[in-house]
Amino acid sequence: MRFEDILYTKYDGRAKVAINRPDKLNAFTNHTLQEMISALIDAWTDKNVGVVIITGAGDRAFCVGGDQSIRSKGGYAGAESEKNGLEGLENLPLANNHALLLQIIRMIPKPVVAMVNGYAIGGGNVIHVVCDLSVASEKAKFGQAGPRVGSFDAGYGSAYLARVVGEKKAREIWYLCQQYTADDALEMGLVNKVVPSENLEEEVEKMCDTLLSHSPTSLAALKTSFNADTESIWGIHSMAGIALNLYYGTDEAVEGRNAFMEKREPDFSKFRK
């Protein structure tokens, strides 16, 4: 399988998906998401794969969400998908492809481990949130930026986040758009473990060794059970995607995007009238 935006490797029972756009802090486009979806489906159907690792290339970022440089009033620009066997997904809005990726991470009957090597912001933070386990470098930073840049995630990124860290903390994360250290994330239950940067990959590999030593059917059944309690969020997430695609066409959303690209504070005051 040939990919442009990700690095996909399989070894020793693992499938590793790394977003390979370090110059963009691993921000994703539609094409990136399509390739991740394709890789995860391959990992799902490969009987030799027992655990999946998701990470970002380089040592600065896991993923900082959607690439704002390709976002316009009509939403995010599409991308060709002929190379990855997912023809047609280029016609879906980016929010829909992101939603599909999140659902596949939840549905794949194998543990998915997020190896958070740097910034996990916006849609990137949501990706690690829905993974089964998250191991973070001590240099990792977490947070949401939607209300500051004219965007939001009213599905897994908020409703499921509240299940992970609690209602009050989830509202703080979204309303205030602050960034949190790896230790902050560990304290609130957002990640499972924090390790020195130089030990991150080693620690994830040890975790994978443990997972691969356990019964795959037991792990699959447990994952299904854990997901059952929050499966209704998929419906909420789907409706939120429709709302988000409509919202991207408003002047309010465009002001957030333009302010981000122009490196200035947005002026949302006129939209409260």
C-alpha atoms as a PDB file:
ATOM      1  CA  MET A   1       0.000   0.000   0.000  1.00  0.00           C
ATOM      2  CA  ARG A   2       1.386   3.386  -1.022  1.00  0.00           C
ATOM      3  CA  PHE A   3       0.734   6.419   1.137  1.00  0.00           C
ATOM      4  CA  GLU A   4       1.703  10.071   0.927  1.00  0.00           C
ATOM      5  CA  ASP A   5       0.552  11.621   4.203  1.00  0.00           C
ATOM      6  CA  ILE A   6       1.173   8.755   6.610  1.00  0.00           C
ATOM      7  CA  LEU A   7       3.817   6.167   7.396  1.00  0.00           C
ATOM      8  CA  TYR A   8       2.291   2.704   7.784  1.00  0.00           C
ATOM      9  CA  THR A   9       4.324  -0.225   9.048  1.00  0.00           C
ATOM     10  CA  LYS A  10       3.498  -3.690  10.343  1.00  0.00           C
ATOM     11  CA  TYR A  11       5.868  -5.694  12.548  1.00  0.00           C
ATOM     12  CA  ASP A  12       5.781  -8.187  15.408  1.00  0.00           C
ATOM     13  CA  GLY A  13       1.990  -8.205  15.671  1.00  0.00           C
ATOM     14  CA  ARG A  14       1.749  -4.413  15.525  1.00  0.00           C
ATOM     15  CA  ALA A  15       0.386  -1.993  12.925  1.00  0.00           C
ATOM     16  CA  LYS A  16       1.771   1.526  13.301  1.00  0.00           C
ATOM     17  CA  VAL A  17       0.113   4.557  11.718  1.00  0.00           C
ATOM     18  CA  ALA A  18       2.113   7.787  11.864  1.00  0.00           C
ATOM     19  CA  ILE A  19       0.813  11.048  10.403  1.00  0.00           C
ATOM     20  CA  ASN A  20       3.729  12.224   8.289  1.00  0.00           C
ATOM     21  CA  ARG A  21       3.262  15.983   7.953  1.00  0.00           C
ATOM     22  CA  PRO A  22       5.757  17.246  10.556  1.00  0.00           C
ATOM     23  CA  ASP A  23       6.179  20.588   8.771  1.00  0.00           C
ATOM     24  CA  LYS A  24       2.467  21.181   9.503  1.00  0.00           C
ATOM     25  CA  LEU A  25       2.698  19.785  13.055  1.00  0.00           C
ATOM     26  CA  ASN A  26       0.940  16.741  11.591  1.00  0.00           C
ATOM     27  CA  ALA A  27      -2.255  18.670  10.883  1.00  0.00           C
ATOM     28  CA  PHE A  28      -4.503  16.523   8.721  1.00  0.00           C
ATOM     29  CA  THR A  29      -6.253  17.056   5.401  1.00  0.00           C
ATOM     30  CA  ASN A  30      -9.006  14.927   3.886  1.00  0.00           C
ATOM     31  CA  HIS A  31      -6.284  12.942   2.138  1.00  0.00           C
ATOM     32  CA  THR A  32      -4.504  12.273   5.444  1.00  0.00           C
ATOM     33  CA  LEU A  33      -7.707  11.007   7.042  1.00  0.00           C
ATOM     34  CA  GLN A  34      -8.503   8.799   4.046  1.00  0.00           C
ATOM     35  CA  GLU A  35      -5.077   7.192   4.260  1.00  0.00           C
ATOM     36  CA  MET A  36      -5.447   6.622   8.011  1.00  0.00           C
ATOM     37  CA  ILE A  37      -8.842   5.011   7.441  1.00  0.00           C
ATOM     38  CA  SER A  38      -7.370   2.758   4.760  1.00  0.00           C
ATOM     39  CA  ALA A  39      -4.467   1.712   7.009  1.00  0.00           C
ATOM     40  CA  LEU A  40      -6.762   0.966   9.958  1.00  0.00           C
ATOM     41  CA  ILE A  41      -9.039  -1.165   7.791  1.00  0.00           C
ATOM     42  CA  ASP A  42      -5.971  -3.101   6.646  1.00  0.00           C
ATOM     43  CA  ALA A  43      -4.874  -3.579  10.276  1.00  0.00           C
ATOM     44  CA  TRP A  44      -8.408  -4.705  11.157  1.00  0.00           C
ATOM     45  CA  THR A  45      -8.443  -7.448   8.519  1.00  0.00           C
ATOM     46  CA  ASP A  46      -4.837  -8.609   8.994  1.00  0.00           C
ATOM     47  CA  LYS A  47      -4.942 -11.602  11.357  1.00  0.00           C
ATOM     48  CA  ASN A  48      -1.267 -11.118  12.167  1.00  0.00           C
ATOM     49  CA  VAL A  49      -1.974  -7.709  13.727  1.00  0.00           C
ATOM     50  CA  GLY A  50      -3.031  -7.703  17.364  1.00  0.00           C
ATOM     51  CA  VAL A  51      -2.535  -4.065  18.355  1.00  0.00           C
ATOM     52  CA  VAL A  52      -2.491  -0.701  16.563  1.00  0.00           C
ATOM     53  CA  ILE A  53      -0.292   2.306  17.366  1.00  0.00           C
ATOM     54  CA  ILE A  54      -1.221   5.817  16.237  1.00  0.00           C
ATOM     55  CA  THR A  55       1.358   8.611  16.433  1.00  0.00           C
ATOM     56  CA  GLY A  56       2.828  11.575  14.573  1.00  0.00           C
ATOM     57  CA  ALA A  57       6.123  11.870  12.720  1.00  0.00           C
ATOM     58  CA  GLY A  58       8.889  13.918  14.305  1.00  0.00           C
ATOM     59  CA  ASP A  59       9.188  15.001  17.911  1.00  0.00           C
ATOM     60  CA  ARG A  60       7.036  18.147  17.963  1.00  0.00           C
ATOM     61  CA  ALA A  61       3.474  16.994  17.408  1.00  0.00           C
ATOM     62  CA  PHE A  62       1.114  14.055  17.575  1.00  0.00           C
ATOM     63  CA  CYS A  63      -1.500  15.978  15.584  1.00  0.00           C
ATOM     64  CA  VAL A  64      -2.891  19.517  15.797  1.00  0.00           C
ATOM     65  CA  GLY A  65      -6.186  18.830  14.028  1.00  0.00           C
ATOM     66  CA  GLY A  66      -7.370  20.023  10.634  1.00  0.00           C
ATOM     67  CA  ASP A  67      -4.967  21.998   8.450  1.00  0.00           C
ATOM     68  CA  GLN A  68      -6.351  25.542   8.707  1.00  0.00           C
ATOM     69  CA  SER A  69      -4.421  26.646   5.621  1.00  0.00           C
ATOM     70  CA  ILE A  70      -6.801  24.679   3.372  1.00  0.00           C
ATOM     71  CA  ARG A  71      -9.988  25.759   5.133  1.00  0.00           C
ATOM     72  CA  SER A  72     -12.283  28.242   3.420  1.00  0.00           C
ATOM     73  CA  LYS A  73     -15.882  29.419   3.831  1.00  0.00           C
ATOM     74  CA  GLY A  74     -16.977  26.209   2.167  1.00  0.00           C
ATOM     75  CA  GLY A  75     -15.082  24.096   4.683  1.00  0.00           C
ATOM     76  CA  TYR A  76     -11.879  22.162   4.036  1.00  0.00           C
ATOM     77  CA  ALA A  77     -10.601  21.470   0.548  1.00  0.00           C
ATOM     78  CA  GLY A  78     -11.034  17.932  -0.732  1.00  0.00           C
ATOM     79  CA  ALA A  79      -8.323  15.601  -1.925  1.00  0.00           C
ATOM     80  CA  GLU A  80      -7.841  12.825  -4.423  1.00  0.00           C
ATOM     81  CA  SER A  81      -8.186   9.298  -3.068  1.00  0.00           C
ATOM     82  CA  GLU A  82      -7.488   7.020  -6.025  1.00  0.00           C
ATOM     83  CA  LYS A  83      -4.209   5.787  -4.520  1.00  0.00           C
ATOM     84  CA  ASN A  84      -5.653   4.388  -1.307  1.00  0.00           C
ATOM     85  CA  GLY A  85      -8.627   2.400  -2.517  1.00  0.00           C
ATOM     86  CA  LEU A  86     -11.195   4.691  -0.902  1.00  0.00           C
ATOM     87  CA  GLU A  87     -12.558   6.399  -3.998  1.00  0.00           C
ATOM     88  CA  GLY A  88     -15.412   8.757  -3.186  1.00  0.00           C
ATOM     89  CA  LEU A  89     -14.301   9.829   0.277  1.00  0.00           C
ATOM     90  CA  GLU A  90     -12.687  12.900  -1.266  1.00  0.00           C
ATOM     91  CA  ASN A  91     -16.223  14.194  -1.780  1.00  0.00           C
ATOM     92  CA  LEU A  92     -17.010  13.991   1.929  1.00  0.00           C
ATOM     93  CA  PRO A  93     -16.425  17.052   4.119  1.00  0.00           C
ATOM     94  CA  LEU A  94     -13.370  16.770   6.341  1.00  0.00           C
ATOM     95  CA  ALA A  95     -15.561  16.553   9.443  1.00  0.00           C
ATOM     96  CA  ASN A  96     -17.210  13.422   8.046  1.00  0.00           C
ATOM     97  CA  ASN A  97     -13.903  11.711   7.289  1.00  0.00           C
ATOM     98  CA  HIS A  98     -12.670  12.611  10.774  1.00  0.00           C
ATOM     99  CA  ALA A  99     -15.853  11.121  12.256  1.00  0.00           C
ATOM    100  CA  LEU A 100     -15.375   7.945  10.215  1.00  0.00           C
ATOM    101  CA  LEU A 101     -11.784   7.637  11.447  1.00  0.00           C
ATOM    102  CA  LEU A 102     -12.904   7.991  15.068  1.00  0.00           C
ATOM    103  CA  GLN A 103     -15.591   5.351  14.646  1.00  0.00           C
ATOM    104  CA  ILE A 104     -13.146   2.892  13.075  1.00  0.00           C
ATOM    105  CA  ILE A 105     -10.712   3.415  15.972  1.00  0.00           C
ATOM    106  CA  ARG A 106     -13.566   2.488  18.306  1.00  0.00           C
ATOM    107  CA  MET A 107     -14.886  -0.420  16.219  1.00  0.00           C
ATOM    108  CA  ILE A 108     -11.641  -2.208  15.325  1.00  0.00           C
ATOM    109  CA  PRO A 109     -11.622  -5.275  17.632  1.00  0.00           C
ATOM    110  CA  LYS A 110      -8.023  -4.694  18.648  1.00  0.00           C
ATOM    111  CA  PRO A 111      -6.508  -2.292  21.198  1.00  0.00           C
ATOM    112  CA  VAL A 112      -5.457   1.051  19.710  1.00  0.00           C
ATOM    113  CA  VAL A 113      -2.644   2.837  21.550  1.00  0.00           C
ATOM    114  CA  ALA A 114      -1.942   6.544  21.036  1.00  0.00           C
ATOM    115  CA  MET A 115       1.756   7.380  21.274  1.00  0.00           C
ATOM    116  CA  VAL A 116       1.539  11.106  21.970  1.00  0.00           C
ATOM    117  CA  ASN A 117       4.931  12.574  21.134  1.00  0.00           C
ATOM    118  CA  GLY A 118       4.085  16.291  21.168  1.00  0.00           C
ATOM    119  CA  TYR A 119       1.143  18.624  20.603  1.00  0.00           C
ATOM    120  CA  ALA A 120      -2.272  16.911  20.594  1.00  0.00           C
ATOM    121  CA  ILE A 121      -4.591  19.815  19.828  1.00  0.00           C
ATOM    122  CA  GLY A 122      -8.081  20.135  18.324  1.00  0.00           C
ATOM    123  CA  GLY A 123      -9.044  17.178  16.153  1.00  0.00           C
ATOM    124  CA  GLY A 124      -5.694  15.609  17.036  1.00  0.00           C
ATOM    125  CA  ASN A 125      -6.587  15.624  20.698  1.00  0.00           C
ATOM    126  CA  VAL A 126      -9.898  13.962  19.849  1.00  0.00           C
ATOM    127  CA  ILE A 127      -8.089  11.177  17.968  1.00  0.00           C
ATOM    128  CA  HIS A 128      -6.034  10.251  21.016  1.00  0.00           C
ATOM    129  CA  VAL A 129      -9.091  10.587  23.312  1.00  0.00           C
ATOM    130  CA  VAL A 130     -10.971   7.821  21.467  1.00  0.00           C
ATOM    131  CA  CYS A 131      -7.955   5.497  21.414  1.00  0.00           C
ATOM    132  CA  ASP A 132      -8.098   2.706  23.992  1.00  0.00           C
ATOM    133  CA  LEU A 133      -4.888   3.767  25.724  1.00  0.00           C
ATOM    134  CA  SER A 134      -2.663   6.863  25.544  1.00  0.00           C
ATOM    135  CA  VAL A 135       1.016   7.099  26.471  1.00  0.00           C
ATOM    136  CA  ALA A 136       2.458  10.593  26.421  1.00  0.00           C
ATOM    137  CA  SER A 137       5.907  12.108  26.247  1.00  0.00           C
ATOM    138  CA  GLU A 138       6.626  14.469  29.135  1.00  0.00           C
ATOM    139  CA  LYS A 139       6.849  17.214  26.483  1.00  0.00           C
ATOM    140  CA  ALA A 140       3.345  16.550  25.118  1.00  0.00           C
ATOM    141  CA  LYS A 141       0.714  19.293  25.215  1.00  0.00           C
ATOM    142  CA  PHE A 142      -3.043  18.816  25.025  1.00  0.00           C
ATOM    143  CA  GLY A 143      -6.031  21.034  24.344  1.00  0.00           C
ATOM    144  CA  GLN A 144      -8.906  22.152  22.145  1.00  0.00           C
ATOM    145  CA  ALA A 145      -8.987  25.248  19.965  1.00  0.00           C
ATOM    146  CA  GLY A 146     -12.397  25.146  18.256  1.00  0.00           C
ATOM    147  CA  PRO A 147     -14.151  28.165  19.813  1.00  0.00           C
ATOM    148  CA  ARG A 148     -11.021  30.226  19.193  1.00  0.00           C
ATOM    149  CA  VAL A 149     -10.729  29.365  15.482  1.00  0.00           C
ATOM    150  CA  GLY A 150     -14.411  29.069  14.538  1.00  0.00           C
ATOM    151  CA  SER A 151     -14.903  25.333  14.907  1.00  0.00           C
ATOM    152  CA  PHE A 152     -16.199  22.738  17.371  1.00  0.00           C
ATOM    153  CA  ASP A 153     -16.607  19.014  17.989  1.00  0.00           C
ATOM    154  CA  ALA A 154     -19.987  18.428  19.615  1.00  0.00           C
ATOM    155  CA  GLY A 155     -19.656  14.632  19.438  1.00  0.00           C
ATOM    156  CA  TYR A 156     -16.829  12.414  20.666  1.00  0.00           C
ATOM    157  CA  GLY A 157     -14.602  15.429  21.227  1.00  0.00           C
ATOM    158  CA  SER A 158     -16.941  16.784  23.887  1.00  0.00           C
ATOM    159  CA  ALA A 159     -19.501  14.155  24.969  1.00  0.00           C
ATOM    160  CA  TYR A 160     -16.984  11.310  25.183  1.00  0.00           C
ATOM    161  CA  LEU A 161     -14.295  13.611  26.572  1.00  0.00           C
ATOM    162  CA  ALA A 162     -16.662  14.349  29.468  1.00  0.00           C
ATOM    163  CA  ARG A 163     -16.833  10.613  30.209  1.00  0.00           C
ATOM    164  CA  VAL A 164     -13.036  10.510  30.336  1.00  0.00           C
ATOM    165  CA  VAL A 165     -12.220  13.613  32.416  1.00  0.00           C
ATOM    166  CA  GLY A 166     -15.591  14.622  33.884  1.00  0.00           C
ATOM    167  CA  GLU A 167     -18.120  17.294  32.915  1.00  0.00           C
ATOM    168  CA  LYS A 168     -16.487  20.274  34.600  1.00  0.00           C
ATOM    169  CA  LYS A 169     -13.032  19.588  33.182  1.00  0.00           C
ATOM    170  CA  ALA A 170     -14.367  18.889  29.710  1.00  0.00           C
ATOM    171  CA  ARG A 171     -16.233  22.197  29.699  1.00  0.00           C
ATOM    172  CA  GLU A 172     -13.085  23.971  30.862  1.00  0.00           C
ATOM    173  CA  ILE A 173     -11.025  22.364  28.091  1.00  0.00           C
ATOM    174  CA  TRP A 174     -13.487  23.483  25.400  1.00  0.00           C
ATOM    175  CA  TYR A 175     -14.656  26.830  26.756  1.00  0.00           C
ATOM    176  CA  LEU A 176     -11.247  28.241  27.711  1.00  0.00           C
ATOM    177  CA  CYS A 177      -9.099  26.642  24.969  1.00  0.00           C
ATOM    178  CA  GLN A 178      -6.058  26.366  27.204  1.00  0.00           C
ATOM    179  CA  GLN A 179      -3.168  23.965  26.751  1.00  0.00           C
ATOM    180  CA  TYR A 180      -2.334  21.318  29.335  1.00  0.00           C
ATOM    181  CA  THR A 181       0.954  19.603  30.119  1.00  0.00           C
ATOM    182  CA  ALA A 182       1.420  15.850  30.075  1.00  0.00           C
ATOM    183  CA  ASP A 183       1.337  15.822  33.875  1.00  0.00           C
ATOM    184  CA  ASP A 184      -1.935  17.790  33.793  1.00  0.00           C
ATOM    185  CA  ALA A 185      -3.324  15.222  31.361  1.00  0.00           C
ATOM    186  CA  LEU A 186      -2.277  12.341  33.601  1.00  0.00           C
ATOM    187  CA  GLU A 187      -3.865  13.957  36.640  1.00  0.00           C
ATOM    188  CA  MET A 188      -7.211  14.430  34.892  1.00  0.00           C
ATOM    189  CA  GLY A 189      -7.192  10.902  33.449  1.00  0.00           C
ATOM    190  CA  LEU A 190      -6.707  12.041  29.854  1.00  0.00           C
ATOM    191  CA  VAL A 191      -3.674   9.753  29.391  1.00  0.00           C
ATOM    192  CA  ASN A 192      -2.619   6.488  31.009  1.00  0.00           C
ATOM    193  CA  LYS A 193       1.086   7.157  31.405  1.00  0.00           C
ATOM    194  CA  VAL A 194       3.710   9.895  31.005  1.00  0.00           C
ATOM    195  CA  VAL A 195       7.337   9.031  30.284  1.00  0.00           C
ATOM    196  CA  PRO A 196      10.524  10.893  29.286  1.00  0.00           C
ATOM    197  CA  SER A 197      10.571  11.648  25.568  1.00  0.00           C
ATOM    198  CA  GLU A 198      13.507   9.351  24.926  1.00  0.00           C
ATOM    199  CA  ASN A 199      11.603   6.440  26.514  1.00  0.00           C
ATOM    200  CA  LEU A 200       8.254   6.968  24.784  1.00  0.00           C
ATOM    201  CA  GLU A 201       8.616   4.432  22.008  1.00  0.00           C
ATOM    202  CA  GLU A 202      10.137   1.847  24.361  1.00  0.00           C
ATOM    203  CA  GLU A 203       7.245   2.246  26.807  1.00  0.00           C
ATOM    204  CA  VAL A 204       4.643   1.872  24.054  1.00  0.00           C
ATOM    205  CA  GLU A 205       6.392  -1.236  22.752  1.00  0.00           C
ATOM    206  CA  LYS A 206       6.324  -2.753  26.263  1.00  0.00           C
ATOM    207  CA  MET A 207       2.611  -2.014  26.492  1.00  0.00           C
ATOM    208  CA  CYS A 208       2.075  -3.670  23.119  1.00  0.00           C
ATOM    209  CA  ASP A 209       4.044  -6.730  24.256  1.00  0.00           C
ATOM    210  CA  THR A 210       1.685  -7.043  27.215  1.00  0.00           C
ATOM    211  CA  LEU A 211      -1.414  -6.638  25.063  1.00  0.00           C
ATOM    212  CA  LEU A 212      -0.153  -9.190  22.543  1.00  0.00           C
ATOM    213  CA  SER A 213       0.427 -11.695  25.340  1.00  0.00           C
ATOM    214  CA  HIS A 214      -3.267 -11.585  26.274  1.00  0.00           C
ATOM    215  CA  SER A 215      -6.272 -13.328  24.740  1.00  0.00           C
ATOM    216  CA  PRO A 216      -7.344 -11.421  21.597  1.00  0.00           C
ATOM    217  CA  THR A 217     -10.949 -12.561  21.967  1.00  0.00           C
ATOM    218  CA  SER A 218     -11.049 -11.347  25.566  1.00  0.00           C
ATOM    219  CA  LEU A 219      -9.647  -7.961  24.550  1.00  0.00           C
ATOM    220  CA  ALA A 220     -12.121  -7.649  21.676  1.00  0.00           C
ATOM    221  CA  ALA A 221     -15.051  -8.523  23.941  1.00  0.00           C
ATOM    222  CA  LEU A 222     -13.916  -6.060  26.598  1.00  0.00           C
ATOM    223  CA  LYS A 223     -13.514  -3.297  24.028  1.00  0.00           C
ATOM    224  CA  THR A 224     -17.044  -3.902  22.777  1.00  0.00           C
ATOM    225  CA  SER A 225     -18.364  -3.786  26.330  1.00  0.00           C
ATOM    226  CA  PHE A 226     -16.560  -0.538  27.140  1.00  0.00           C
ATOM    227  CA  ASN A 227     -17.858   1.024  23.920  1.00  0.00           C
ATOM    228  CA  ALA A 228     -21.465  -0.078  24.467  1.00  0.00           C
ATOM    229  CA  ASP A 229     -22.037   2.468  27.217  1.00  0.00           C
ATOM    230  CA  THR A 230     -21.066   5.377  24.950  1.00  0.00           C
ATOM    231  CA  GLU A 231     -22.247   4.081  21.567  1.00  0.00           C
ATOM    232  CA  SER A 232     -25.102   6.596  21.510  1.00  0.00           C
ATOM    233  CA  ILE A 233     -22.467   9.316  21.060  1.00  0.00           C
ATOM    234  CA  TRP A 234     -22.057   8.149  17.449  1.00  0.00           C
ATOM    235  CA  GLY A 235     -25.517   9.506  16.685  1.00  0.00           C
ATOM    236  CA  ILE A 236     -24.714  12.774  18.431  1.00  0.00           C
ATOM    237  CA  HIS A 237     -21.417  12.974  16.563  1.00  0.00           C
ATOM    238  CA  SER A 238     -23.162  12.446  13.222  1.00  0.00           C
ATOM    239  CA  MET A 239     -25.627  15.270  13.898  1.00  0.00           C
ATOM    240  CA  ALA A 240     -22.792  17.480  15.125  1.00  0.00           C
ATOM    241  CA  GLY A 241     -20.969  16.887  11.842  1.00  0.00           C
ATOM    242  CA  ILE A 242     -23.946  18.204   9.888  1.00  0.00           C
ATOM    243  CA  ALA A 243     -24.061  21.280  12.116  1.00  0.00           C
ATOM    244  CA  LEU A 244     -20.323  21.842  11.782  1.00  0.00           C
ATOM    245  CA  ASN A 245     -20.409  21.652   7.982  1.00  0.00           C
ATOM    246  CA  LEU A 246     -23.187  24.277   7.952  1.00  0.00           C
ATOM    247  CA  TYR A 247     -21.337  26.423  10.485  1.00  0.00           C
ATOM    248  CA  TYR A 248     -18.184  26.543   8.345  1.00  0.00           C
ATOM    249  CA  GLY A 249     -20.203  28.514   5.778  1.00  0.00           C
ATOM    250  CA  THR A 250     -20.917  31.365   8.210  1.00  0.00           C
ATOM    251  CA  ASP A 251     -19.053  34.643   8.601  1.00  0.00           C
ATOM    252  CA  GLU A 252     -18.520  33.798  12.264  1.00  0.00           C
ATOM    253  CA  ALA A 253     -16.564  30.645  11.450  1.00  0.00           C
ATOM    254  CA  VAL A 254     -14.592  32.424   8.732  1.00  0.00           C
ATOM    255  CA  GLU A 255     -13.550  35.135  11.218  1.00  0.00           C
ATOM    256  CA  GLY A 256     -12.061  32.458  13.462  1.00  0.00           C
ATOM    257  CA  ARG A 257     -10.156  30.850  10.623  1.00  0.00           C
ATOM    258  CA  ASN A 258      -8.903  34.170   9.212  1.00  0.00           C
ATOM    259  CA  ALA A 259      -7.728  35.374  12.617  1.00  0.00           C
ATOM    260  CA  PHE A 260      -5.768  32.161  13.107  1.00  0.00           C
ATOM    261  CA  MET A 261      -4.085  32.423   9.710  1.00  0.00           C
ATOM    262  CA  GLU A 262      -3.354  36.137  10.210  1.00  0.00           C
ATOM    263  CA  LYS A 263      -1.985  35.493  13.716  1.00  0.00           C
ATOM    264  CA  ARG A 264      -4.363  37.934  15.395  1.00  0.00           C
ATOM    265  CA  GLU A 265      -7.093  37.753  17.977  1.00  0.00           C
ATOM    266  CA  PRO A 266     -10.523  37.021  16.443  1.00  0.00           C
ATOM    267  CA  ASP A 267     -13.338  39.540  16.858  1.00  0.00           C
ATOM    268  CA  PHE A 268     -16.478  37.568  17.579  1.00  0.00           C
ATOM    269  CA  SER A 269     -18.249  40.439  19.320  1.00  0.00           C
ATOM    270  CA  LYS A 270     -20.465  41.353  16.352  1.00  0.00           C
ATOM    271  CA  PHE A 271     -21.888  37.810  16.258  1.00  0.00           C
ATOM    272  CA  ARG A 272     -23.398  38.183  19.739  1.00  0.00           C
ATOM    273  CA  LYS A 273     -25.816  40.891  18.555  1.00  0.00           C
END
